[in-house]
Amino acid sequence: MCAVLSQLGRHDHAMTHAHQAIIIVQSTLLMHHLPMPAHLAKANKDKGYGGHAEEKLRDGINETKEFKDRIAVLTIAYHNLAVEQEFMHMVSL
């Protein structure tokens, strides 16, 4: 979406979309890929929810591919944001 808006000359909206993409992907990565604190993992296990680490072991290869894909999307979003900021002369040294 960011690239389309940029091509249309709507750089302010393109920058907003890039920024929103960064926020969404970062929050998703934090929720799904950071280790769960021990006290929360124990509480979840005690309640029968299973452990975060157990889910990661079960998912294995898919978890790694998903993580790499999300990192790639995050990288692209940061690049798009930088391109739009440069176009709008928002570069700081």
N, C-alpha and C. Protein backbone atom coordinates (compact mmCIF):
# COMPACT_ATOMS: atom_id res chain seq x y z
N MET A 1 0.82 -1.18 0.00
CA MET A 1 0.00 0.00 0.00
C MET A 1 0.88 1.26 0.00
N CYS A 2 1.94 1.19 0.76
CA CYS A 2 2.85 2.33 0.85
C CYS A 2 3.42 2.69 -0.52
N ALA A 3 3.85 1.69 -1.27
CA ALA A 3 4.44 1.94 -2.58
C ALA A 3 3.42 2.52 -3.55
N VAL A 4 2.19 2.05 -3.49
CA VAL A 4 1.13 2.56 -4.37
C VAL A 4 0.86 4.03 -4.05
N LEU A 5 0.71 4.34 -2.77
CA LEU A 5 0.47 5.73 -2.38
C LEU A 5 1.64 6.62 -2.77
N SER A 6 2.85 6.11 -2.64
CA SER A 6 4.02 6.88 -3.03
C SER A 6 4.01 7.18 -4.53
N GLN A 7 3.67 6.17 -5.33
CA GLN A 7 3.59 6.36 -6.78
C GLN A 7 2.52 7.39 -7.15
N LEU A 8 1.48 7.47 -6.34
CA LEU A 8 0.41 8.44 -6.60
C LEU A 8 0.76 9.84 -6.08
N GLY A 9 1.93 9.96 -5.46
CA GLY A 9 2.36 11.25 -4.95
C GLY A 9 1.79 11.58 -3.59
N ARG A 10 1.17 10.63 -2.94
CA ARG A 10 0.57 10.85 -1.62
C ARG A 10 1.55 10.37 -0.55
N HIS A 11 2.66 11.06 -0.46
CA HIS A 11 3.76 10.62 0.38
C HIS A 11 3.44 10.69 1.87
N ASP A 12 2.62 11.63 2.28
CA ASP A 12 2.25 11.70 3.69
C ASP A 12 1.44 10.47 4.10
N HIS A 13 0.53 10.05 3.24
CA HIS A 13 -0.26 8.84 3.53
C HIS A 13 0.61 7.59 3.42
N ALA A 14 1.53 7.58 2.48
CA ALA A 14 2.44 6.45 2.34
C ALA A 14 3.30 6.29 3.59
N MET A 15 3.77 7.42 4.12
CA MET A 15 4.58 7.38 5.33
C MET A 15 3.75 6.87 6.51
N THR A 16 2.50 7.27 6.59
CA THR A 16 1.62 6.79 7.66
C THR A 16 1.43 5.28 7.57
N HIS A 17 1.22 4.76 6.37
CA HIS A 17 1.06 3.31 6.20
C HIS A 17 2.32 2.56 6.57
N ALA A 18 3.47 3.07 6.19
CA ALA A 18 4.74 2.42 6.54
C ALA A 18 4.90 2.40 8.06
N HIS A 19 4.58 3.50 8.70
CA HIS A 19 4.70 3.59 10.16
C HIS A 19 3.74 2.61 10.84
N GLN A 20 2.52 2.52 10.36
CA GLN A 20 1.55 1.58 10.92
C GLN A 20 1.99 0.14 10.73
N ALA A 21 2.58 -0.16 9.59
CA ALA A 21 3.08 -1.51 9.33
C ALA A 21 4.18 -1.87 10.34
N ILE A 22 5.05 -0.92 10.62
CA ILE A 22 6.12 -1.16 11.59
C ILE A 22 5.53 -1.47 12.96
N ILE A 23 4.55 -0.69 13.37
CA ILE A 23 3.93 -0.91 14.68
C ILE A 23 3.27 -2.27 14.76
N ILE A 24 2.52 -2.63 13.72
CA ILE A 24 1.79 -3.91 13.72
C ILE A 24 2.75 -5.09 13.72
N VAL A 25 3.76 -5.05 12.86
CA VAL A 25 4.69 -6.19 12.77
C VAL A 25 5.52 -6.30 14.05
N GLN A 26 5.98 -5.18 14.58
CA GLN A 26 6.76 -5.23 15.81
C GLN A 26 5.94 -5.80 16.96
N SER A 27 4.70 -5.37 17.10
CA SER A 27 3.88 -5.88 18.19
C SER A 27 3.61 -7.37 18.01
N THR A 28 3.41 -7.82 16.78
CA THR A 28 3.20 -9.24 16.52
C THR A 28 4.45 -10.03 16.88
N LEU A 29 5.61 -9.53 16.49
CA LEU A 29 6.86 -10.22 16.82
C LEU A 29 7.05 -10.30 18.34
N LEU A 30 6.76 -9.21 19.02
CA LEU A 30 6.93 -9.21 20.47
C LEU A 30 5.98 -10.18 21.15
N MET A 31 4.75 -10.25 20.69
CA MET A 31 3.77 -11.13 21.31
C MET A 31 4.07 -12.60 21.07
N HIS A 32 4.57 -12.94 19.88
CA HIS A 32 4.69 -14.34 19.51
C HIS A 32 6.10 -14.91 19.56
N HIS A 33 7.11 -14.07 19.63
CA HIS A 33 8.46 -14.60 19.49
C HIS A 33 9.38 -14.30 20.67
N LEU A 34 8.94 -13.52 21.62
CA LEU A 34 9.76 -13.32 22.82
C LEU A 34 9.43 -14.43 23.81
N PRO A 35 10.41 -14.86 24.57
CA PRO A 35 10.12 -15.88 25.57
C PRO A 35 9.15 -15.33 26.62
N MET A 36 8.24 -16.19 27.05
CA MET A 36 7.28 -15.79 28.07
C MET A 36 7.99 -15.81 29.43
N PRO A 37 7.75 -14.79 30.28
CA PRO A 37 8.35 -14.82 31.61
C PRO A 37 7.95 -16.10 32.35
N ALA A 38 8.86 -16.61 33.16
CA ALA A 38 8.66 -17.90 33.83
C ALA A 38 7.38 -17.94 34.65
N HIS A 39 7.07 -16.87 35.37
CA HIS A 39 5.88 -16.89 36.23
C HIS A 39 4.59 -16.96 35.40
N LEU A 40 4.58 -16.34 34.22
CA LEU A 40 3.40 -16.42 33.35
C LEU A 40 3.29 -17.78 32.69
N ALA A 41 4.42 -18.35 32.28
CA ALA A 41 4.40 -19.68 31.67
C ALA A 41 3.89 -20.71 32.66
N LYS A 42 4.34 -20.60 33.93
CA LYS A 42 3.89 -21.53 34.96
C LYS A 42 2.39 -21.37 35.20
N ALA A 43 1.93 -20.13 35.28
CA ALA A 43 0.50 -19.87 35.50
C ALA A 43 -0.33 -20.44 34.36
N ASN A 44 0.11 -20.26 33.13
CA ASN A 44 -0.62 -20.79 31.98
C ASN A 44 -0.63 -22.31 31.99
N LYS A 45 0.50 -22.89 32.34
CA LYS A 45 0.58 -24.35 32.37
C LYS A 45 -0.34 -24.90 33.47
N ASP A 46 -0.36 -24.22 34.62
CA ASP A 46 -1.22 -24.65 35.73
C ASP A 46 -2.69 -24.57 35.34
N LYS A 47 -3.04 -23.63 34.48
CA LYS A 47 -4.42 -23.46 34.04
C LYS A 47 -4.76 -24.36 32.85
N GLY A 48 -3.77 -25.10 32.36
CA GLY A 48 -4.01 -26.02 31.26
C GLY A 48 -3.89 -25.38 29.89
N TYR A 49 -3.28 -24.19 29.81
CA TYR A 49 -3.13 -23.52 28.52
C TYR A 49 -1.92 -24.00 27.74
N GLY A 50 -1.05 -24.77 28.35
CA GLY A 50 0.18 -25.18 27.67
C GLY A 50 1.22 -24.09 27.82
N GLY A 51 2.42 -24.41 27.46
CA GLY A 51 3.51 -23.44 27.59
C GLY A 51 3.89 -22.84 26.27
N HIS A 52 4.34 -21.60 26.31
CA HIS A 52 4.76 -20.91 25.09
C HIS A 52 5.93 -21.65 24.45
N ALA A 53 6.86 -22.11 25.28
CA ALA A 53 8.03 -22.83 24.76
C ALA A 53 7.60 -24.16 24.11
N GLU A 54 6.60 -24.81 24.71
CA GLU A 54 6.11 -26.07 24.14
C GLU A 54 5.51 -25.84 22.76
N GLU A 55 4.77 -24.74 22.60
CA GLU A 55 4.18 -24.42 21.30
C GLU A 55 5.28 -24.18 20.27
N LYS A 56 6.34 -23.49 20.65
CA LYS A 56 7.43 -23.22 19.72
C LYS A 56 8.11 -24.52 19.29
N LEU A 57 8.32 -25.44 20.25
CA LEU A 57 8.94 -26.71 19.91
C LEU A 57 8.05 -27.51 18.96
N ARG A 58 6.75 -27.46 19.18
CA ARG A 58 5.82 -28.21 18.34
C ARG A 58 5.80 -27.64 16.93
N ASP A 59 5.82 -26.31 16.81
CA ASP A 59 5.76 -25.68 15.50
C ASP A 59 7.08 -25.78 14.74
N GLY A 60 8.19 -25.78 15.44
CA GLY A 60 9.51 -26.00 14.87
C GLY A 60 9.84 -25.17 13.65
N ILE A 61 9.92 -25.83 12.50
CA ILE A 61 10.36 -25.21 11.25
C ILE A 61 9.41 -24.09 10.83
N ASN A 62 8.12 -24.30 10.95
CA ASN A 62 7.15 -23.26 10.57
C ASN A 62 7.37 -22.00 11.38
N GLU A 63 7.69 -22.14 12.66
CA GLU A 63 7.94 -20.99 13.52
C GLU A 63 9.13 -20.20 12.99
N THR A 64 10.19 -20.87 12.59
CA THR A 64 11.37 -20.20 12.09
C THR A 64 11.08 -19.48 10.78
N LYS A 65 10.36 -20.12 9.87
CA LYS A 65 10.02 -19.49 8.60
C LYS A 65 9.11 -18.29 8.83
N GLU A 66 8.14 -18.43 9.70
CA GLU A 66 7.23 -17.32 10.00
C GLU A 66 8.00 -16.14 10.58
N PHE A 67 8.93 -16.43 11.51
CA PHE A 67 9.74 -15.39 12.11
C PHE A 67 10.56 -14.66 11.05
N LYS A 68 11.20 -15.41 10.16
CA LYS A 68 12.02 -14.80 9.10
C LYS A 68 11.15 -13.97 8.16
N ASP A 69 9.97 -14.46 7.84
CA ASP A 69 9.06 -13.70 6.97
C ASP A 69 8.65 -12.39 7.61
N ARG A 70 8.35 -12.43 8.89
CA ARG A 70 7.94 -11.20 9.59
C ARG A 70 9.09 -10.20 9.69
N ILE A 71 10.30 -10.71 9.89
CA ILE A 71 11.47 -9.82 9.93
C ILE A 71 11.67 -9.18 8.56
N ALA A 72 11.45 -9.93 7.49
CA ALA A 72 11.57 -9.37 6.14
C ALA A 72 10.53 -8.27 5.92
N VAL A 73 9.31 -8.50 6.36
CA VAL A 73 8.26 -7.49 6.22
C VAL A 73 8.62 -6.25 7.03
N LEU A 74 9.14 -6.45 8.24
CA LEU A 74 9.55 -5.32 9.07
C LEU A 74 10.66 -4.51 8.40
N THR A 75 11.60 -5.20 7.80
CA THR A 75 12.70 -4.54 7.09
C THR A 75 12.17 -3.70 5.93
N ILE A 76 11.25 -4.25 5.18
CA ILE A 76 10.65 -3.52 4.05
C ILE A 76 9.89 -2.29 4.55
N ALA A 77 9.16 -2.45 5.64
CA ALA A 77 8.41 -1.31 6.19
C ALA A 77 9.36 -0.20 6.64
N TYR A 78 10.46 -0.56 7.29
CA TYR A 78 11.44 0.45 7.68
C TYR A 78 12.05 1.14 6.46
N HIS A 79 12.33 0.37 5.43
CA HIS A 79 12.87 0.93 4.20
C HIS A 79 11.87 1.92 3.59
N ASN A 80 10.61 1.50 3.49
CA ASN A 80 9.58 2.37 2.93
C ASN A 80 9.44 3.66 3.73
N LEU A 81 9.48 3.54 5.05
CA LEU A 81 9.38 4.74 5.89
C LEU A 81 10.56 5.67 5.62
N ALA A 82 11.75 5.12 5.51
CA ALA A 82 12.94 5.94 5.25
C ALA A 82 12.86 6.62 3.88
N VAL A 83 12.38 5.91 2.88
CA VAL A 83 12.25 6.49 1.54
C VAL A 83 11.27 7.66 1.57
N GLU A 84 10.15 7.48 2.24
CA GLU A 84 9.16 8.56 2.31
C GLU A 84 9.68 9.74 3.12
N GLN A 85 10.38 9.47 4.20
CA GLN A 85 10.96 10.57 4.99
C GLN A 85 12.00 11.33 4.18
N GLU A 86 12.79 10.61 3.41
CA GLU A 86 13.78 11.27 2.57
C GLU A 86 13.08 12.13 1.51
N PHE A 87 12.04 11.60 0.89
CA PHE A 87 11.32 12.36 -0.12
C PHE A 87 10.72 13.63 0.47
N MET A 88 10.27 13.56 1.72
CA MET A 88 9.64 14.71 2.37
C MET A 88 10.67 15.58 3.10
N HIS A 89 11.95 15.32 2.84
CA HIS A 89 13.06 16.09 3.42
C HIS A 89 13.03 16.06 4.95
N MET A 90 12.75 14.90 5.51
CA MET A 90 12.69 14.73 6.96
C MET A 90 13.94 14.00 7.46
N VAL A 91 15.02 14.09 6.74
CA VAL A 91 16.24 13.37 7.08
C VAL A 91 17.03 14.20 8.09
N SER A 92 17.46 13.53 9.18
CA SER A 92 18.29 14.22 10.16
C SER A 92 19.67 13.57 10.17
N LEU A 93 20.66 14.34 10.36
CA LEU A 93 22.02 13.81 10.36
C LEU A 93 22.58 13.74 11.75
